[in-house]
Amino acid sequence: MVRYAFLWKEDHDQGRYEAAKDRPCAIILAANVRETADIQVVVVPITHSAPAVDEEATSLEMPPAVARTLGLDAGRHWVRVTQLNRFIWPGYDLRPRPDVPERVDYGFIPQTFFERIRSAILAENKRTKISFIPRDS
């Protein structure tokens, strides 16, 4: 998990190129780009905002023990599985953690919660094609 200037799909659709704020994001995929040997990364945002009624099925609440282990605050946290940013690693939008400014990472999400995120993304993508917001340009 990293701190990242995440751009929401709604903001991107309105023509915005810069994120309104930095937030923790879970890296859900890292893959080599054959043509360039770069590493392309896909992240999902983690937010304090409880999901709206129409977002409940596409949001996962992070278990408090996981949030604590990763160094997040004591508030509630949700992962929005339909919001995906894609960028070439390390990218310009990684940000220092507010509590540990020399780091951009929070550590690894436990495998069981990572699998829940992955499964939710795959299920939602099967139901309705999820699009990525490209952040390289």
C-alpha atoms as a PDB file:
ATOM      1  CA  MET A   1       0.000   0.000   0.000  1.00  0.00           C
ATOM      2  CA  VAL A   2       1.271   3.475  -0.883  1.00  0.00           C
ATOM      3  CA  ARG A   3       0.354   7.126  -0.444  1.00  0.00           C
ATOM      4  CA  TYR A   4      -0.749   8.434  -3.810  1.00  0.00           C
ATOM      5  CA  ALA A   5      -2.451  11.433  -5.448  1.00  0.00           C
ATOM      6  CA  PHE A   6      -5.473   9.414  -6.551  1.00  0.00           C
ATOM      7  CA  LEU A   7      -7.715  10.835  -9.276  1.00  0.00           C
ATOM      8  CA  TRP A   8     -11.356   9.795  -8.942  1.00  0.00           C
ATOM      9  CA  LYS A   9     -13.181   8.789 -12.124  1.00  0.00           C
ATOM     10  CA  GLU A  10     -15.748  11.563 -11.635  1.00  0.00           C
ATOM     11  CA  ASP A  11     -12.970  14.170 -11.485  1.00  0.00           C
ATOM     12  CA  HIS A  12     -11.251  12.688 -14.548  1.00  0.00           C
ATOM     13  CA  ASP A  13     -14.555  12.721 -16.457  1.00  0.00           C
ATOM     14  CA  GLN A  14     -14.885  16.438 -15.625  1.00  0.00           C
ATOM     15  CA  GLY A  15     -11.505  17.082 -17.250  1.00  0.00           C
ATOM     16  CA  ARG A  16      -9.365  17.275 -14.130  1.00  0.00           C
ATOM     17  CA  TYR A  17      -5.801  15.986 -14.329  1.00  0.00           C
ATOM     18  CA  GLU A  18      -4.672  16.503 -10.748  1.00  0.00           C
ATOM     19  CA  ALA A  19      -5.989  14.812  -7.637  1.00  0.00           C
ATOM     20  CA  ALA A  20      -7.702  16.904  -4.985  1.00  0.00           C
ATOM     21  CA  LYS A  21      -5.788  15.150  -2.201  1.00  0.00           C
ATOM     22  CA  ASP A  22      -3.343  12.378  -1.423  1.00  0.00           C
ATOM     23  CA  ARG A  23      -4.578   9.158   0.129  1.00  0.00           C
ATOM     24  CA  PRO A  24      -3.564   5.601   0.924  1.00  0.00           C
ATOM     25  CA  CYS A  25      -4.032   3.307  -2.064  1.00  0.00           C
ATOM     26  CA  ALA A  26      -3.699  -0.429  -2.387  1.00  0.00           C
ATOM     27  CA  ILE A  27      -1.544  -1.716  -5.221  1.00  0.00           C
ATOM     28  CA  ILE A  28      -3.595  -4.471  -6.821  1.00  0.00           C
ATOM     29  CA  LEU A  29      -1.501  -5.191  -9.884  1.00  0.00           C
ATOM     30  CA  ALA A  30       2.072  -4.655 -11.048  1.00  0.00           C
ATOM     31  CA  ALA A  31       3.071  -5.906 -14.481  1.00  0.00           C
ATOM     32  CA  ASN A  32       5.973  -5.484 -16.873  1.00  0.00           C
ATOM     33  CA  VAL A  33       5.275  -3.537 -20.038  1.00  0.00           C
ATOM     34  CA  ARG A  34       6.969  -5.590 -22.748  1.00  0.00           C
ATOM     35  CA  GLU A  35       7.728  -2.762 -25.150  1.00  0.00           C
ATOM     36  CA  THR A  36       9.483  -0.556 -22.586  1.00  0.00           C
ATOM     37  CA  ALA A  37      10.400  -2.852 -19.677  1.00  0.00           C
ATOM     38  CA  ASP A  38       8.580  -0.397 -17.383  1.00  0.00           C
ATOM     39  CA  ILE A  39       6.413  -1.610 -14.533  1.00  0.00           C
ATOM     40  CA  GLN A  40       2.771  -0.604 -14.795  1.00  0.00           C
ATOM     41  CA  VAL A  41       0.883  -0.420 -11.505  1.00  0.00           C
ATOM     42  CA  VAL A  42      -2.853  -0.337 -10.763  1.00  0.00           C
ATOM     43  CA  VAL A  43      -4.118   1.081  -7.464  1.00  0.00           C
ATOM     44  CA  VAL A  44      -7.480   1.385  -5.716  1.00  0.00           C
ATOM     45  CA  PRO A  45      -8.229   4.192  -3.249  1.00  0.00           C
ATOM     46  CA  ILE A  46      -8.806   3.906   0.467  1.00  0.00           C
ATOM     47  CA  THR A  47     -11.120   6.521   1.906  1.00  0.00           C
ATOM     48  CA  HIS A  48     -12.699   7.517   5.213  1.00  0.00           C
ATOM     49  CA  SER A  49     -15.966   8.338   3.440  1.00  0.00           C
ATOM     50  CA  ALA A  50     -18.622   5.734   4.021  1.00  0.00           C
ATOM     51  CA  PRO A  51     -20.042   4.455   0.753  1.00  0.00           C
ATOM     52  CA  ALA A  52     -23.188   6.025  -0.622  1.00  0.00           C
ATOM     53  CA  VAL A  53     -26.117   3.654  -1.081  1.00  0.00           C
ATOM     54  CA  ASP A  54     -25.142   3.067  -4.724  1.00  0.00           C
ATOM     55  CA  GLU A  55     -21.502   2.349  -3.719  1.00  0.00           C
ATOM     56  CA  GLU A  56     -22.127  -0.199  -0.963  1.00  0.00           C
ATOM     57  CA  ALA A  57     -21.809  -3.199  -3.277  1.00  0.00           C
ATOM     58  CA  THR A  58     -18.523  -1.898  -4.694  1.00  0.00           C
ATOM     59  CA  SER A  59     -16.872  -0.884  -1.435  1.00  0.00           C
ATOM     60  CA  LEU A  60     -15.084  -3.029   1.130  1.00  0.00           C
ATOM     61  CA  GLU A  61     -14.560  -1.871   4.676  1.00  0.00           C
ATOM     62  CA  MET A  62     -10.995  -2.435   5.807  1.00  0.00           C
ATOM     63  CA  PRO A  63     -10.840  -4.436   9.025  1.00  0.00           C
ATOM     64  CA  PRO A  64      -9.647  -2.187  11.882  1.00  0.00           C
ATOM     65  CA  ALA A  65      -6.794  -4.582  12.701  1.00  0.00           C
ATOM     66  CA  VAL A  66      -5.506  -4.302   9.108  1.00  0.00           C
ATOM     67  CA  ALA A  67      -5.699  -0.501   9.211  1.00  0.00           C
ATOM     68  CA  ARG A  68      -3.844  -0.454  12.531  1.00  0.00           C
ATOM     69  CA  THR A  69      -1.112  -2.792  11.247  1.00  0.00           C
ATOM     70  CA  LEU A  70      -0.573  -0.557   8.203  1.00  0.00           C
ATOM     71  CA  GLY A  71      -0.284   2.569  10.355  1.00  0.00           C
ATOM     72  CA  LEU A  72      -3.587   4.177   9.363  1.00  0.00           C
ATOM     73  CA  ASP A  73      -5.584   6.217  11.840  1.00  0.00           C
ATOM     74  CA  ALA A  74      -8.313   4.758  14.038  1.00  0.00           C
ATOM     75  CA  GLY A  75     -11.137   5.880  11.722  1.00  0.00           C
ATOM     76  CA  ARG A  76     -13.095   3.585   9.453  1.00  0.00           C
ATOM     77  CA  HIS A  77     -11.637   2.959   5.979  1.00  0.00           C
ATOM     78  CA  TRP A  78     -13.213   1.712   2.751  1.00  0.00           C
ATOM     79  CA  VAL A  79     -11.687   0.436  -0.470  1.00  0.00           C
ATOM     80  CA  ARG A  80     -13.548   1.519  -3.614  1.00  0.00           C
ATOM     81  CA  VAL A  81     -13.121  -1.415  -6.004  1.00  0.00           C
ATOM     82  CA  THR A  82     -14.497   0.324  -9.118  1.00  0.00           C
ATOM     83  CA  GLN A  83     -12.055   3.239  -8.935  1.00  0.00           C
ATOM     84  CA  LEU A  84      -8.722   2.296 -10.529  1.00  0.00           C
ATOM     85  CA  ASN A  85      -5.707   4.456 -11.404  1.00  0.00           C
ATOM     86  CA  ARG A  86      -2.948   3.089 -13.624  1.00  0.00           C
ATOM     87  CA  PHE A  87       0.590   4.490 -13.831  1.00  0.00           C
ATOM     88  CA  ILE A  88       4.185   3.612 -14.622  1.00  0.00           C
ATOM     89  CA  TRP A  89       6.132   2.884 -11.432  1.00  0.00           C
ATOM     90  CA  PRO A  90       7.255   4.820  -9.522  1.00  0.00           C
ATOM     91  CA  GLY A  91       5.342   7.697 -11.128  1.00  0.00           C
ATOM     92  CA  TYR A  92       5.038  11.352 -10.242  1.00  0.00           C
ATOM     93  CA  ASP A  93       2.051  11.008  -7.958  1.00  0.00           C
ATOM     94  CA  LEU A  94       3.522   8.973  -5.092  1.00  0.00           C
ATOM     95  CA  ARG A  95       3.448  11.132  -1.964  1.00  0.00           C
ATOM     96  CA  PRO A  96       5.201  11.091   1.404  1.00  0.00           C
ATOM     97  CA  ARG A  97       3.229   9.716   4.308  1.00  0.00           C
ATOM     98  CA  PRO A  98       2.154  12.485   6.704  1.00  0.00           C
ATOM     99  CA  ASP A  99       3.302  10.462   9.731  1.00  0.00           C
ATOM    100  CA  VAL A 100       6.600   9.215   8.216  1.00  0.00           C
ATOM    101  CA  PRO A 101       7.624  11.736   5.501  1.00  0.00           C
ATOM    102  CA  GLU A 102      10.620   9.709   4.318  1.00  0.00           C
ATOM    103  CA  ARG A 103       8.293   6.874   3.202  1.00  0.00           C
ATOM    104  CA  VAL A 104       5.583   6.542   0.559  1.00  0.00           C
ATOM    105  CA  ASP A 105       4.622   2.982   1.520  1.00  0.00           C
ATOM    106  CA  TYR A 106       2.509   1.618   4.359  1.00  0.00           C
ATOM    107  CA  GLY A 107       3.469  -2.005   3.945  1.00  0.00           C
ATOM    108  CA  PHE A 108       1.684  -5.047   2.597  1.00  0.00           C
ATOM    109  CA  ILE A 109      -2.027  -5.689   2.903  1.00  0.00           C
ATOM    110  CA  PRO A 110      -2.562  -9.123   4.470  1.00  0.00           C
ATOM    111  CA  GLN A 111      -3.199 -11.826   1.867  1.00  0.00           C
ATOM    112  CA  THR A 112      -6.746 -12.593   3.026  1.00  0.00           C
ATOM    113  CA  PHE A 113      -7.894  -8.966   2.693  1.00  0.00           C
ATOM    114  CA  PHE A 114      -5.986  -8.560  -0.580  1.00  0.00           C
ATOM    115  CA  GLU A 115      -7.869 -11.587  -1.938  1.00  0.00           C
ATOM    116  CA  ARG A 116     -11.183 -10.019  -0.904  1.00  0.00           C
ATOM    117  CA  ILE A 117     -10.232  -6.849  -2.809  1.00  0.00           C
ATOM    118  CA  ARG A 118      -9.096  -8.816  -5.853  1.00  0.00           C
ATOM    119  CA  SER A 119     -12.233 -10.969  -5.889  1.00  0.00           C
ATOM    120  CA  ALA A 120     -14.484  -7.928  -5.579  1.00  0.00           C
ATOM    121  CA  ILE A 121     -12.716  -6.199  -8.474  1.00  0.00           C
ATOM    122  CA  LEU A 122     -12.953  -9.301 -10.681  1.00  0.00           C
ATOM    123  CA  ALA A 123     -16.646  -9.786  -9.845  1.00  0.00           C
ATOM    124  CA  GLU A 124     -17.453  -6.152 -10.580  1.00  0.00           C
ATOM    125  CA  ASN A 125     -15.431  -6.232 -13.796  1.00  0.00           C
ATOM    126  CA  LYS A 126     -17.398  -9.286 -14.897  1.00  0.00           C
ATOM    127  CA  ARG A 127     -20.670  -7.521 -14.106  1.00  0.00           C
ATOM    128  CA  THR A 128     -19.726  -4.240 -15.762  1.00  0.00           C
ATOM    129  CA  LYS A 129     -16.396  -3.487 -17.400  1.00  0.00           C
ATOM    130  CA  ILE A 130     -14.255  -1.372 -15.040  1.00  0.00           C
ATOM    131  CA  SER A 131     -12.128   1.314 -16.641  1.00  0.00           C
ATOM    132  CA  PHE A 132      -8.732   2.534 -15.504  1.00  0.00           C
ATOM    133  CA  ILE A 133      -7.826   6.182 -15.141  1.00  0.00           C
ATOM    134  CA  PRO A 134      -4.404   6.540 -16.823  1.00  0.00           C
ATOM    135  CA  ARG A 135      -2.081   8.775 -14.799  1.00  0.00           C
ATOM    136  CA  ASP A 136       1.052   8.690 -16.995  1.00  0.00           C
ATOM    137  CA  SER A 137       0.223  11.529 -19.338  1.00  0.00           C
END
